[in-house]
């Protein structure tokens, strides 16, 4: 499987969270740890936030996620849904 990589930025809407806005790189790849399920994993690496710190990267085991597809268009939709479900009110920009 070829990796699919997208870049973007999450910009938080609330004033008290704006300092946590940051760029990110999300990569869909074949899981190095498992050879069953759909064999995928997603790695999200974050850039430096407005407060000068960078959050830890996120490694997601997606081998049983039936919504993830191995193409760029569907992966972008998956990333948008992930951020919507896991982060507070924001604007997501995908480059």
N, C-alpha and C. Protein backbone atom coordinates (compact mmCIF):
# COMPACT_ATOMS: atom_id res chain seq x y z
N UNK A 1 0.83 -1.18 0.00
CA UNK A 1 0.00 0.00 0.00
C UNK A 1 0.88 1.24 0.00
N UNK A 2 0.56 2.18 -0.87
CA UNK A 2 1.26 3.46 -0.85
C UNK A 2 0.68 4.34 0.25
N UNK A 3 1.56 5.06 0.92
CA UNK A 3 1.10 6.00 1.94
C UNK A 3 0.35 7.15 1.29
N UNK A 4 -0.63 7.66 2.02
CA UNK A 4 -1.34 8.87 1.60
C UNK A 4 -1.09 9.91 2.67
N UNK A 5 -0.55 11.05 2.30
CA UNK A 5 -0.23 12.11 3.25
C UNK A 5 -0.96 13.39 2.88
N UNK A 6 -1.60 13.99 3.87
CA UNK A 6 -2.24 15.29 3.66
C UNK A 6 -1.75 16.25 4.74
N UNK A 7 -1.74 17.51 4.40
CA UNK A 7 -1.33 18.55 5.34
C UNK A 7 -2.48 19.52 5.54
N UNK A 8 -2.51 20.13 6.70
CA UNK A 8 -3.57 21.07 6.99
C UNK A 8 -3.28 21.88 8.24
N UNK A 9 -4.32 22.56 8.70
CA UNK A 9 -4.20 23.39 9.90
C UNK A 9 -5.53 23.34 10.64
N UNK A 10 -5.43 23.24 11.96
CA UNK A 10 -6.61 23.34 12.81
C UNK A 10 -6.53 24.68 13.52
N UNK A 11 -7.58 25.48 13.36
CA UNK A 11 -7.66 26.81 13.99
C UNK A 11 -8.86 26.80 14.93
N UNK A 12 -8.59 26.93 16.22
CA UNK A 12 -9.65 26.90 17.21
C UNK A 12 -10.42 28.22 17.22
N UNK A 13 -11.72 28.14 17.46
CA UNK A 13 -12.60 29.31 17.37
C UNK A 13 -12.66 30.12 18.66
N UNK A 14 -12.60 29.47 19.79
CA UNK A 14 -12.71 30.17 21.07
C UNK A 14 -11.42 30.92 21.38
N UNK A 15 -11.55 32.15 21.89
CA UNK A 15 -10.37 32.97 22.17
C UNK A 15 -9.37 32.28 23.10
N UNK A 16 -9.87 31.59 24.12
CA UNK A 16 -8.96 30.97 25.08
C UNK A 16 -8.24 29.75 24.50
N UNK A 17 -8.62 29.30 23.31
CA UNK A 17 -7.97 28.15 22.70
C UNK A 17 -7.15 28.51 21.46
N UNK A 18 -7.18 29.74 21.04
CA UNK A 18 -6.49 30.14 19.81
C UNK A 18 -4.99 29.83 19.86
N UNK A 19 -4.39 29.88 21.04
CA UNK A 19 -2.96 29.61 21.14
C UNK A 19 -2.63 28.14 20.84
N UNK A 20 -3.64 27.29 20.77
CA UNK A 20 -3.43 25.87 20.48
C UNK A 20 -3.60 25.53 19.01
N UNK A 21 -3.91 26.51 18.18
CA UNK A 21 -4.02 26.30 16.74
C UNK A 21 -2.66 25.87 16.20
N UNK A 22 -2.68 24.97 15.19
CA UNK A 22 -1.41 24.46 14.68
C UNK A 22 -1.61 23.75 13.34
N UNK A 23 -0.52 23.57 12.66
CA UNK A 23 -0.54 22.80 11.42
C UNK A 23 -0.38 21.32 11.77
N UNK A 24 -0.75 20.47 10.82
CA UNK A 24 -0.61 19.04 11.04
C UNK A 24 -0.32 18.34 9.72
N UNK A 25 0.23 17.15 9.84
CA UNK A 25 0.42 16.25 8.72
C UNK A 25 -0.18 14.91 9.11
N UNK A 26 -1.12 14.42 8.32
CA UNK A 26 -1.77 13.13 8.59
C UNK A 26 -1.36 12.15 7.50
N UNK A 27 -0.97 10.95 7.92
CA UNK A 27 -0.51 9.93 6.99
C UNK A 27 -1.26 8.64 7.21
N UNK A 28 -1.85 8.13 6.14
CA UNK A 28 -2.49 6.83 6.15
C UNK A 28 -1.50 5.83 5.56
N UNK A 29 -1.21 4.78 6.31
CA UNK A 29 -0.25 3.80 5.82
C UNK A 29 -0.64 2.41 6.29
N UNK A 30 0.07 1.44 5.78
CA UNK A 30 -0.16 0.08 6.22
C UNK A 30 0.42 -0.09 7.61
N UNK A 31 -0.33 -0.73 8.48
CA UNK A 31 0.12 -0.94 9.85
C UNK A 31 1.35 -1.83 9.88
N UNK A 32 2.36 -1.39 10.57
CA UNK A 32 3.58 -2.20 10.71
C UNK A 32 3.40 -3.28 11.77
N UNK A 33 2.38 -3.16 12.60
CA UNK A 33 2.22 -4.06 13.72
C UNK A 33 1.23 -5.20 13.46
N UNK A 34 0.29 -5.02 12.53
CA UNK A 34 -0.77 -6.00 12.36
C UNK A 34 -0.98 -6.36 10.89
N UNK A 35 -1.23 -7.63 10.62
CA UNK A 35 -1.45 -8.06 9.25
C UNK A 35 -2.89 -8.57 9.07
N UNK A 36 -3.82 -8.05 9.85
CA UNK A 36 -5.22 -8.44 9.71
C UNK A 36 -6.10 -7.20 9.77
N UNK A 37 -7.40 -7.38 9.62
CA UNK A 37 -8.29 -6.23 9.48
C UNK A 37 -7.98 -5.58 8.14
N UNK A 38 -8.13 -4.27 8.06
CA UNK A 38 -7.80 -3.59 6.80
C UNK A 38 -6.32 -3.20 6.74
N UNK A 39 -5.57 -3.52 7.79
CA UNK A 39 -4.11 -3.32 7.89
C UNK A 39 -3.69 -1.86 7.76
N UNK A 40 -4.51 -0.93 8.27
CA UNK A 40 -4.15 0.48 8.17
C UNK A 40 -3.87 1.09 9.54
N UNK A 41 -3.15 2.19 9.50
CA UNK A 41 -2.93 3.03 10.67
C UNK A 41 -2.81 4.47 10.19
N UNK A 42 -3.12 5.39 11.07
CA UNK A 42 -3.02 6.81 10.75
C UNK A 42 -2.08 7.45 11.77
N UNK A 43 -1.15 8.24 11.26
CA UNK A 43 -0.18 8.95 12.09
C UNK A 43 -0.39 10.44 11.85
N UNK A 44 -0.65 11.20 12.93
CA UNK A 44 -0.85 12.64 12.82
C UNK A 44 0.25 13.33 13.61
N UNK A 45 1.03 14.13 12.90
CA UNK A 45 2.12 14.89 13.51
C UNK A 45 1.73 16.36 13.50
N UNK A 46 1.95 17.04 14.61
CA UNK A 46 1.55 18.43 14.77
C UNK A 46 2.75 19.37 14.74
N UNK A 47 2.51 20.56 14.23
CA UNK A 47 3.53 21.61 14.25
C UNK A 47 3.46 22.38 15.56
N UNK A 48 4.24 23.41 15.66
CA UNK A 48 4.31 24.24 16.85
C UNK A 48 3.04 25.07 16.99
N UNK A 49 2.52 25.14 18.20
CA UNK A 49 1.32 25.93 18.48
C UNK A 49 1.71 27.38 18.76
N UNK A 50 0.72 28.22 18.89
CA UNK A 50 0.96 29.64 19.19
C UNK A 50 1.68 29.86 20.50
N UNK A 51 1.59 28.91 21.41
CA UNK A 51 2.27 29.05 22.71
C UNK A 51 3.71 28.53 22.66
N UNK A 52 4.18 28.14 21.46
CA UNK A 52 5.57 27.71 21.30
C UNK A 52 5.83 26.24 21.55
N UNK A 53 4.81 25.49 21.90
CA UNK A 53 4.98 24.07 22.16
C UNK A 53 4.36 23.25 21.03
N UNK A 54 4.81 22.03 20.88
CA UNK A 54 4.25 21.12 19.88
C UNK A 54 3.65 19.92 20.61
N UNK A 55 2.40 19.58 20.32
CA UNK A 55 1.80 18.42 20.98
C UNK A 55 2.43 17.12 20.48
N UNK A 56 2.28 16.09 21.28
CA UNK A 56 2.77 14.78 20.87
C UNK A 56 2.03 14.31 19.62
N UNK A 57 2.68 13.56 18.76
CA UNK A 57 1.98 12.99 17.61
C UNK A 57 0.96 11.95 18.06
N UNK A 58 0.02 11.66 17.19
CA UNK A 58 -1.04 10.70 17.48
C UNK A 58 -0.89 9.54 16.50
N UNK A 59 -0.88 8.32 17.02
CA UNK A 59 -0.86 7.12 16.20
C UNK A 59 -2.18 6.39 16.43
N UNK A 60 -2.95 6.24 15.36
CA UNK A 60 -4.28 5.64 15.47
C UNK A 60 -4.30 4.27 14.79
N UNK A 61 -4.76 3.29 15.52
CA UNK A 61 -4.93 1.95 14.98
C UNK A 61 -6.29 1.93 14.27
N UNK A 62 -6.29 1.90 12.97
CA UNK A 62 -7.54 1.98 12.21
C UNK A 62 -7.85 0.67 11.48
N UNK A 63 -7.24 -0.42 11.90
CA UNK A 63 -7.40 -1.67 11.15
C UNK A 63 -8.83 -2.21 11.15
N UNK A 64 -9.66 -1.77 12.11
CA UNK A 64 -11.07 -2.22 12.14
C UNK A 64 -12.04 -1.10 11.78
N UNK A 65 -11.52 0.01 11.30
CA UNK A 65 -12.36 1.15 10.92
C UNK A 65 -12.88 0.90 9.50
N UNK A 66 -14.16 0.67 9.38
CA UNK A 66 -14.76 0.37 8.06
C UNK A 66 -15.01 1.62 7.23
N UNK A 67 -14.81 2.80 7.82
CA UNK A 67 -15.06 4.05 7.07
C UNK A 67 -13.82 4.56 6.36
N UNK A 68 -12.67 4.02 6.69
CA UNK A 68 -11.43 4.52 6.09
C UNK A 68 -11.22 3.86 4.73
N UNK A 69 -10.86 4.69 3.75
CA UNK A 69 -10.61 4.21 2.39
C UNK A 69 -9.21 4.60 1.97
N UNK A 70 -8.64 3.83 1.06
CA UNK A 70 -7.25 4.03 0.65
C UNK A 70 -7.15 4.93 -0.58
N UNK A 71 -7.77 6.10 -0.49
CA UNK A 71 -7.59 7.10 -1.54
C UNK A 71 -7.62 8.47 -0.88
N UNK A 72 -7.04 9.46 -1.54
CA UNK A 72 -6.85 10.77 -0.93
C UNK A 72 -8.16 11.49 -0.61
N UNK A 73 -9.12 11.42 -1.50
CA UNK A 73 -10.40 12.13 -1.28
C UNK A 73 -11.10 11.60 -0.03
N UNK A 74 -11.23 10.28 0.08
CA UNK A 74 -11.89 9.71 1.24
C UNK A 74 -11.06 9.86 2.51
N UNK A 75 -9.73 9.82 2.38
CA UNK A 75 -8.89 10.03 3.56
C UNK A 75 -9.06 11.45 4.09
N UNK A 76 -9.18 12.44 3.23
CA UNK A 76 -9.43 13.82 3.68
C UNK A 76 -10.75 13.90 4.45
N UNK A 77 -11.78 13.23 3.95
CA UNK A 77 -13.07 13.21 4.65
C UNK A 77 -12.92 12.54 6.01
N UNK A 78 -12.15 11.46 6.05
CA UNK A 78 -11.94 10.75 7.31
C UNK A 78 -11.23 11.65 8.31
N UNK A 79 -10.21 12.38 7.87
CA UNK A 79 -9.47 13.29 8.75
C UNK A 79 -10.39 14.39 9.27
N UNK A 80 -11.21 14.96 8.41
CA UNK A 80 -12.16 15.99 8.84
C UNK A 80 -13.09 15.45 9.92
N UNK A 81 -13.61 14.25 9.72
CA UNK A 81 -14.51 13.65 10.71
C UNK A 81 -13.77 13.37 12.01
N UNK A 82 -12.52 12.90 11.94
CA UNK A 82 -11.73 12.64 13.14
C UNK A 82 -11.56 13.91 13.98
N UNK A 83 -11.17 15.01 13.33
CA UNK A 83 -10.98 16.26 14.06
C UNK A 83 -12.31 16.77 14.62
N UNK A 84 -13.37 16.63 13.85
CA UNK A 84 -14.69 17.09 14.30
C UNK A 84 -15.13 16.34 15.56
N UNK A 85 -14.87 15.05 15.61
CA UNK A 85 -15.30 14.22 16.74
C UNK A 85 -14.37 14.30 17.95
N UNK A 86 -13.13 14.76 17.77
CA UNK A 86 -12.16 14.68 18.86
C UNK A 86 -11.60 16.02 19.34
N UNK A 87 -11.96 17.11 18.69
CA UNK A 87 -11.44 18.43 19.09
C UNK A 87 -12.60 19.40 19.23
N UNK A 88 -12.42 20.39 20.09
CA UNK A 88 -13.48 21.37 20.29
C UNK A 88 -13.65 22.24 19.04
N UNK A 89 -14.60 23.14 19.10
CA UNK A 89 -15.00 23.94 17.94
C UNK A 89 -13.78 24.55 17.23
N UNK A 90 -13.70 24.31 15.91
CA UNK A 90 -12.53 24.73 15.15
C UNK A 90 -12.88 24.90 13.67
N UNK A 91 -11.92 25.44 12.96
CA UNK A 91 -11.97 25.49 11.50
C UNK A 91 -10.80 24.64 11.03
N UNK A 92 -11.09 23.69 10.15
CA UNK A 92 -10.05 22.82 9.63
C UNK A 92 -9.78 23.19 8.19
N UNK A 93 -8.52 23.45 7.90
CA UNK A 93 -8.09 23.80 6.55
C UNK A 93 -7.17 22.69 6.07
N UNK A 94 -7.50 22.11 4.92
CA UNK A 94 -6.64 21.08 4.35
C UNK A 94 -6.05 21.64 3.08
N UNK A 95 -4.73 21.59 2.99
CA UNK A 95 -4.02 22.17 1.83
C UNK A 95 -4.06 21.24 0.64
